[in-house]
Amino acid sequence: MIGLLGATGAVGRTAVQRIAAYGLGPLRVGGRDVAAAADVAGSLPGTAHAVRVDLDDPGQLAAFCDGCRIVVNCAGPTYRVLDTVARAAFAAGADYVDIGGELAAKDALISRAMAGDRTAVFSAGVMPGLSGLLPRLLAKGRPLRRLDVYVGGAAVFTPLSAVDALLTRGPKFGTPMAAWREGRVEPNALAPLQAVRLPGFPVPVHAWPYLTTEAQTLAVDTCADEVRSYNVFVSNRLPEALAAAWAEVDGIDPATLTPHADSVVRASLQDNADFGAFYVMLFTARPRPGTSPGPGRIVLTAIDSYALSGVVMALATRAVFTGSVPAGVHLAAEILDPDATAAELRHDPLVEDLTVM
């Protein structure tokens, strides 16, 4: 049995469809709205049934996890879930895959020393996730002098994703305006790029430097001398909305940041109205002199970043199911196979193009 939470959402619907298409299961589809979950379950091939579950109810969550081989969580918000569902899955003897979590959830679960022979994979989405996984294709067998990461486009934020975006601050998430240089984080090393044309992006964009913890790990793992990581927007509406909220709120308390989510959602809707929907991941590499030749650029284009995250969730679930991921607590970018993932994405209808050149 594979249990999936949040299957009625933009990420979860794609994830459960792909998991069913892989022939994994039977499936247990959980949600607070059992009628909506039943609609999803009824649309799937194979055996699937709906169960009402509220993540805030420990008894319901434990009952949902009981009997599952893997529990897959596409529900949020990440700041509230953290390792709650992972602990319930481990207690039931199940492995775990999560769209979010990042270092905060990973570290919390590790600190409880619960893993044993169980497996958990956090941040199995687009960013973080693919943003730290695909660049590894550029560094295979050769150290890099510089690696640049550009991820973004015009995507509509949901209220929950807006709050999660507002909470991506602090040492467990990243450092704005910083770069990785010669083995350390260099603060205030970069400036925003305004109205620049980048390969793969259909319009001029604004790129804001943000050295994520995922990018820092990527730098260490690939032995890159320098890493620059940018969040890309089609206008300055979203970065201005985020900056305004951060300027008014001291700290990263969800209760104080939640009222600002509406301004983030409105900014994303305005961008979507002006530019349509698109999502691009661009990675460029410059090898050290004298190293072996290899690809220097990856471009992935898609329309819906949420649905694309659902694809990554399904691929991570299959990797755990088949034993490709060892026991322990992992982040998707550090444990999934980049070659196998890229090969799957090239054939997925939600990916318009994935080019490695």
Protein backbone atom coordinates (compact mmCIF):
# COMPACT_ATOMS: atom_id res chain seq x y z
CA MET A 1 0.00 0.00 0.00
CA ILE A 2 1.18 3.51 -0.88
CA GLY A 3 -0.61 6.27 1.01
CA LEU A 4 -0.69 9.74 -0.54
CA LEU A 5 -1.69 12.91 1.30
CA GLY A 6 -2.70 16.05 -0.58
CA ALA A 7 -3.76 14.23 -3.76
CA THR A 8 -6.43 16.81 -4.61
CA GLY A 9 -3.89 19.63 -4.94
CA ALA A 10 -1.87 20.76 -7.95
CA VAL A 11 1.20 18.72 -6.95
CA GLY A 12 -0.57 15.72 -5.47
CA ARG A 13 -2.94 15.09 -8.36
CA THR A 14 -0.05 14.70 -10.78
CA ALA A 15 1.98 12.64 -8.30
CA VAL A 16 -0.79 10.11 -7.66
CA GLN A 17 -1.56 9.83 -11.38
CA ARG A 18 2.07 9.05 -12.16
CA ILE A 19 2.41 6.62 -9.25
CA ALA A 20 -0.69 4.76 -10.46
CA ALA A 21 0.63 4.76 -14.02
CA TYR A 22 3.88 3.17 -12.77
CA GLY A 23 1.79 0.28 -11.47
CA LEU A 24 2.69 0.92 -7.84
CA GLY A 25 0.12 0.37 -5.17
CA PRO A 26 -2.63 -0.28 -4.21
CA LEU A 27 -3.14 3.37 -3.30
CA ARG A 28 -4.67 5.02 -0.25
CA VAL A 29 -5.71 8.58 -1.11
CA GLY A 30 -6.06 10.81 1.93
CA GLY A 31 -7.53 14.25 2.44
CA ARG A 32 -9.73 16.36 4.70
CA ASP A 33 -12.36 16.46 1.94
CA VAL A 34 -13.02 12.76 1.48
CA ALA A 35 -15.40 13.40 -1.44
CA ALA A 36 -12.67 15.19 -3.39
CA ALA A 37 -10.20 12.44 -2.49
CA ALA A 38 -12.72 9.85 -3.69
CA ASP A 39 -13.01 11.65 -7.04
CA VAL A 40 -9.24 11.41 -7.47
CA ALA A 41 -9.14 7.76 -6.39
CA GLY A 42 -11.96 6.89 -8.79
CA SER A 43 -10.06 8.39 -11.72
CA LEU A 44 -7.00 6.18 -11.24
CA PRO A 45 -6.18 2.86 -12.87
CA GLY A 46 -5.78 -0.01 -10.48
CA THR A 47 -6.92 -0.23 -6.88
CA ALA A 48 -7.30 3.05 -5.01
CA HIS A 49 -9.56 4.15 -2.20
CA ALA A 50 -10.13 7.41 -0.34
CA VAL A 51 -9.69 8.00 3.39
CA ARG A 52 -10.50 11.09 5.42
CA VAL A 53 -7.43 12.32 7.29
CA ASP A 54 -6.50 15.57 9.01
CA LEU A 55 -2.78 16.08 9.52
CA ASP A 56 -3.54 17.90 12.77
CA ASP A 57 -5.27 14.81 14.19
CA PRO A 58 -2.58 12.37 15.43
CA GLY A 59 -5.04 9.48 15.61
CA GLN A 60 -6.27 9.93 12.04
CA LEU A 61 -2.71 10.36 10.78
CA ALA A 62 -1.52 7.20 12.54
CA ALA A 63 -4.47 5.23 11.15
CA PHE A 64 -3.74 6.52 7.64
CA CYS A 65 -0.09 5.44 7.82
CA ASP A 66 -0.87 2.02 9.31
CA GLY A 67 -0.35 -0.70 6.71
CA CYS A 68 1.44 1.54 4.21
CA ARG A 69 4.73 0.57 2.56
CA ILE A 70 5.40 4.23 1.68
CA VAL A 71 3.67 7.43 2.80
CA VAL A 72 3.84 10.25 0.23
CA ASN A 73 3.08 13.78 1.43
CA CYS A 74 2.10 16.50 -1.02
CA ALA A 75 0.16 18.45 1.60
CA GLY A 76 1.32 21.62 3.26
CA PRO A 77 2.20 24.10 4.37
CA THR A 78 5.77 22.92 4.83
CA TYR A 79 6.41 25.16 7.83
CA ARG A 80 3.60 23.43 9.74
CA VAL A 81 4.15 19.85 8.55
CA LEU A 82 7.94 19.70 9.01
CA ASP A 83 8.64 16.09 10.14
CA THR A 84 5.18 15.40 11.63
CA VAL A 85 4.02 13.05 8.88
CA ALA A 86 7.47 11.46 8.56
CA ARG A 87 7.39 10.51 12.25
CA ALA A 88 3.94 8.97 11.87
CA ALA A 89 5.11 7.04 8.80
CA PHE A 90 8.21 5.72 10.56
CA ALA A 91 6.17 4.74 13.60
CA ALA A 92 3.95 2.67 11.29
CA GLY A 93 6.98 1.01 9.67
CA ALA A 94 6.62 2.94 6.39
CA ASP A 95 9.12 4.84 4.28
CA TYR A 96 8.43 8.47 3.46
CA VAL A 97 8.58 10.97 0.55
CA ASP A 98 7.78 14.69 0.96
CA ILE A 99 7.40 17.60 -1.47
CA GLY A 100 8.88 19.96 1.15
CA GLY A 101 10.73 19.86 4.41
CA GLU A 102 14.21 20.99 3.40
CA LEU A 103 16.92 21.03 6.06
CA ALA A 104 14.50 22.01 8.84
CA ALA A 105 12.51 18.78 8.56
CA LYS A 106 15.52 16.61 7.76
CA ASP A 107 17.45 17.83 10.77
CA ALA A 108 14.42 17.51 13.06
CA LEU A 109 13.86 13.89 12.02
CA ILE A 110 17.54 12.99 12.33
CA SER A 111 17.69 14.55 15.81
CA ARG A 112 14.95 12.16 16.94
CA ALA A 113 17.05 9.16 15.82
CA MET A 114 13.95 7.45 14.42
CA ALA A 115 15.14 6.30 11.00
CA GLY A 116 16.61 2.87 11.78
CA ASP A 117 16.18 0.89 8.58
CA ARG A 118 13.54 3.27 7.21
CA THR A 119 13.99 5.77 4.36
CA ALA A 120 12.82 9.38 4.08
CA VAL A 121 13.29 11.72 1.12
CA PHE A 122 12.49 15.42 1.62
CA SER A 123 12.33 18.29 -0.89
CA ALA A 124 11.33 16.03 -3.78
CA GLY A 125 9.98 18.82 -5.96
CA VAL A 126 11.23 21.34 -8.48
CA MET A 127 12.94 23.85 -6.18
CA PRO A 128 14.37 22.50 -4.00
CA GLY A 129 14.80 19.18 -5.74
CA LEU A 130 15.46 19.35 -9.48
CA SER A 131 17.29 22.65 -8.96
CA GLY A 132 20.01 20.80 -7.06
CA LEU A 133 19.83 17.52 -8.96
CA LEU A 134 20.04 18.36 -12.66
CA PRO A 135 23.19 20.57 -12.39
CA ARG A 136 25.10 17.46 -11.29
CA LEU A 137 24.91 16.31 -14.92
CA LEU A 138 27.25 19.18 -15.80
CA ALA A 139 29.87 18.22 -13.22
CA LYS A 140 30.22 14.50 -13.84
CA GLY A 141 33.88 13.56 -13.89
CA ARG A 142 35.21 17.10 -13.91
CA PRO A 143 35.51 19.94 -11.40
CA LEU A 144 33.84 23.21 -12.39
CA ARG A 145 35.25 26.69 -12.29
CA ARG A 146 31.76 28.17 -12.11
CA LEU A 147 28.16 26.95 -12.01
CA ASP A 148 25.16 29.26 -12.50
CA VAL A 149 21.58 28.33 -11.55
CA TYR A 150 18.54 30.26 -12.81
CA VAL A 151 15.08 29.01 -11.84
CA GLY A 152 11.69 30.68 -12.19
CA GLY A 153 9.21 32.26 -14.57
CA ALA A 154 5.55 33.16 -14.29
CA ALA A 155 3.73 30.82 -11.90
CA VAL A 156 0.63 31.53 -9.82
CA PHE A 157 1.18 31.19 -6.08
CA THR A 158 -1.41 29.52 -3.90
CA PRO A 159 -1.94 31.02 -0.41
CA LEU A 160 -0.04 28.10 1.16
CA SER A 161 2.87 28.33 -1.28
CA ALA A 162 2.98 32.10 -0.71
CA VAL A 163 3.45 31.59 3.04
CA ASP A 164 6.11 28.96 2.39
CA ALA A 165 7.91 31.44 0.11
CA LEU A 166 7.76 34.09 2.83
CA LEU A 167 9.30 31.62 5.27
CA THR A 168 12.32 30.76 3.10
CA ARG A 169 14.66 32.87 5.18
CA GLY A 170 17.46 32.07 7.56
CA PRO A 171 20.47 29.74 7.59
CA LYS A 172 18.49 26.56 6.83
CA PHE A 173 17.23 28.05 3.54
CA GLY A 174 19.87 30.35 2.08
CA THR A 175 21.52 33.75 1.87
CA PRO A 176 20.31 36.56 -0.42
CA MET A 177 22.84 38.34 -2.65
CA ALA A 178 25.53 35.79 -1.76
CA ALA A 179 27.71 33.56 -3.93
CA TRP A 180 29.76 30.46 -3.18
CA ARG A 181 33.44 31.13 -3.79
CA GLU A 182 36.45 28.98 -2.97
CA GLY A 183 34.78 26.87 -0.34
CA ARG A 184 32.62 29.36 1.53
CA VAL A 185 29.61 31.63 1.35
CA GLU A 186 30.61 35.14 0.28
CA PRO A 187 27.92 37.59 1.46
CA ASN A 188 26.79 40.54 -0.71
CA ALA A 189 28.80 39.26 -3.66
CA LEU A 190 26.11 39.65 -6.34
CA ALA A 191 23.56 42.21 -7.48
CA PRO A 192 20.16 41.61 -9.10
CA LEU A 193 20.09 41.28 -12.89
CA GLN A 194 17.39 43.49 -14.36
CA ALA A 195 15.61 42.90 -17.70
CA VAL A 196 18.15 40.36 -18.94
CA ARG A 197 17.66 37.80 -21.69
CA LEU A 198 18.53 34.28 -20.62
CA PRO A 199 18.48 31.08 -22.71
CA GLY A 200 15.17 29.28 -22.46
CA PHE A 201 13.23 32.21 -21.01
CA PRO A 202 10.75 33.60 -23.56
CA VAL A 203 10.88 37.20 -22.27
CA PRO A 204 13.45 39.43 -20.55
CA VAL A 205 13.51 38.60 -16.84
CA HIS A 206 14.73 39.84 -13.48
CA ALA A 207 17.12 37.51 -11.65
CA TRP A 208 17.60 37.93 -7.91
CA PRO A 209 20.63 36.26 -6.29
CA TYR A 210 19.73 33.77 -3.55
CA LEU A 211 22.31 31.19 -2.57
CA THR A 212 20.17 28.38 -1.23
CA THR A 213 21.51 25.76 1.15
CA GLU A 214 20.82 23.31 -1.68
CA ALA A 215 23.19 25.31 -3.93
CA GLN A 216 25.81 25.32 -1.19
CA THR A 217 25.67 21.54 -0.91
CA LEU A 218 25.79 21.32 -4.70
CA ALA A 219 28.97 23.41 -4.68
CA VAL A 220 30.64 21.11 -2.16
CA ASP A 221 29.52 17.90 -3.86
CA THR A 222 30.64 19.02 -7.33
CA CYS A 223 33.88 20.73 -6.16
CA ALA A 224 32.82 23.92 -7.95
CA ASP A 225 35.01 26.95 -7.32
CA GLU A 226 32.06 29.32 -7.67
CA VAL A 227 28.26 28.89 -7.64
CA ARG A 228 25.74 31.62 -8.38
CA SER A 229 22.07 30.89 -7.80
CA TYR A 230 19.18 33.14 -8.89
CA ASN A 231 15.41 33.21 -8.44
CA VAL A 232 13.96 34.45 -11.70
CA PHE A 233 10.85 36.64 -12.07
CA VAL A 234 9.11 38.19 -15.09
CA SER A 235 8.64 41.47 -13.22
CA ASN A 236 9.65 42.99 -9.92
CA ARG A 237 6.17 42.58 -8.45
CA LEU A 238 6.91 39.35 -6.57
CA PRO A 239 10.32 40.31 -5.16
CA GLU A 240 8.85 43.64 -4.07
CA ALA A 241 5.90 41.92 -2.37
CA LEU A 242 8.23 39.52 -0.56
CA ALA A 243 10.61 42.32 0.45
CA ALA A 244 7.75 44.47 1.76
CA ALA A 245 6.52 41.62 3.96
CA TRP A 246 9.98 40.89 5.30
CA ALA A 247 10.55 44.58 6.04
CA GLU A 248 7.38 44.74 8.16
CA VAL A 249 7.81 41.45 10.02
CA ASP A 250 10.72 40.72 12.31
CA GLY A 251 11.63 37.04 12.16
CA ILE A 252 10.00 34.06 10.44
CA ASP A 253 6.88 33.48 12.52
CA PRO A 254 4.13 31.97 10.29
CA ALA A 255 1.37 33.76 12.22
CA THR A 256 2.82 37.19 11.46
CA LEU A 257 3.75 36.40 7.86
CA THR A 258 0.47 34.76 6.81
CA PRO A 259 -1.43 38.09 6.47
CA HIS A 260 1.09 39.12 3.80
CA ALA A 261 0.42 36.05 1.63
CA ASP A 262 -2.41 37.79 -0.22
CA SER A 263 -0.05 40.44 -1.63
CA VAL A 264 2.28 37.69 -2.90
CA VAL A 265 -0.62 35.83 -4.53
CA ARG A 266 -1.89 39.04 -6.17
CA ALA A 267 1.56 39.82 -7.56
CA SER A 268 1.80 36.34 -9.09
CA LEU A 269 -1.68 36.66 -10.62
CA GLN A 270 -0.72 39.99 -12.20
CA ASP A 271 2.43 38.45 -13.66
CA ASN A 272 0.41 35.54 -14.99
CA ALA A 273 -2.09 37.90 -16.61
CA ASP A 274 0.69 39.84 -18.33
CA PHE A 275 2.98 36.98 -19.35
CA GLY A 276 0.99 33.74 -19.23
CA ALA A 277 2.34 30.66 -17.49
CA PHE A 278 5.83 29.25 -17.98
CA TYR A 279 8.62 27.80 -15.89
CA VAL A 280 12.29 27.49 -16.84
CA MET A 281 15.32 25.91 -15.22
CA LEU A 282 18.65 27.03 -16.69
CA PHE A 283 22.03 25.72 -15.54
CA THR A 284 25.34 26.78 -17.06
CA ALA A 285 28.81 25.43 -16.27
CA ARG A 286 32.34 26.59 -16.94
CA PRO A 287 34.92 23.84 -16.40
CA ARG A 288 38.35 24.42 -14.97
CA PRO A 289 41.04 24.83 -17.63
CA GLY A 290 42.53 21.56 -18.79
CA THR A 291 39.64 19.38 -17.62
CA SER A 292 37.78 16.92 -19.83
CA PRO A 293 35.10 18.24 -22.18
CA GLY A 294 31.45 17.90 -21.29
CA PRO A 295 28.08 19.63 -21.47
CA GLY A 296 27.95 23.30 -20.51
CA ARG A 297 24.23 24.03 -20.35
CA ILE A 298 20.92 22.46 -19.30
CA VAL A 299 17.57 24.02 -20.14
CA LEU A 300 14.26 22.62 -18.91
CA THR A 301 11.01 24.32 -19.89
CA ALA A 302 7.52 23.57 -18.61
CA ILE A 303 4.23 25.35 -18.09
CA ASP A 304 3.23 24.28 -14.60
CA SER A 305 5.85 24.08 -11.84
CA TYR A 306 3.38 22.49 -9.42
CA ALA A 307 2.55 19.63 -11.77
CA LEU A 308 6.26 19.21 -12.55
CA SER A 309 6.89 18.85 -8.82
CA GLY A 310 4.28 16.08 -8.85
CA VAL A 311 6.32 14.24 -11.47
CA VAL A 312 9.43 14.50 -9.28
CA MET A 313 7.44 13.23 -6.30
CA ALA A 314 6.34 10.18 -8.27
CA LEU A 315 9.88 9.47 -9.47
CA ALA A 316 11.19 9.73 -5.90
CA THR A 317 8.45 7.40 -4.68
CA ARG A 318 9.32 4.83 -7.31
CA ALA A 319 13.02 5.08 -6.42
CA VAL A 320 12.22 4.39 -2.75
CA PHE A 321 9.81 1.59 -3.71
CA THR A 322 12.42 -0.20 -5.84
CA GLY A 323 15.16 0.13 -3.22
CA SER A 324 17.24 2.61 -5.23
CA VAL A 325 17.40 4.92 -2.19
CA PRO A 326 19.25 3.59 0.86
CA ALA A 327 17.89 3.73 4.39
CA GLY A 328 18.30 7.05 6.14
CA VAL A 329 17.04 10.62 5.86
CA HIS A 330 17.86 12.35 2.58
CA LEU A 331 17.19 15.38 0.40
CA ALA A 332 16.07 14.47 -3.12
CA ALA A 333 18.77 16.51 -4.87
CA GLU A 334 21.48 14.58 -3.04
CA ILE A 335 20.15 11.02 -3.42
CA LEU A 336 18.19 10.62 -6.68
CA ASP A 337 20.00 9.57 -9.86
CA PRO A 338 20.32 12.65 -12.11
CA ASP A 339 20.71 10.65 -15.33
CA ALA A 340 17.67 8.46 -14.66
CA THR A 341 15.61 11.47 -13.61
CA ALA A 342 16.54 13.45 -16.73
CA ALA A 343 15.70 10.47 -18.95
CA GLU A 344 12.24 10.19 -17.38
CA LEU A 345 11.58 13.91 -17.62
CA ARG A 346 12.42 14.00 -21.33
CA HIS A 347 9.52 11.65 -22.02
CA ASP A 348 7.02 13.22 -19.66
CA PRO A 349 4.25 15.23 -21.39
CA LEU A 350 4.47 17.97 -18.75
CA VAL A 351 8.02 18.81 -19.81
CA GLU A 352 8.11 20.85 -23.00
CA ASP A 353 11.86 20.46 -23.43
CA LEU A 354 14.91 19.21 -21.56
CA THR A 355 18.15 19.85 -23.38
CA VAL A 356 21.67 19.07 -22.18
CA MET A 357 24.27 20.62 -24.47
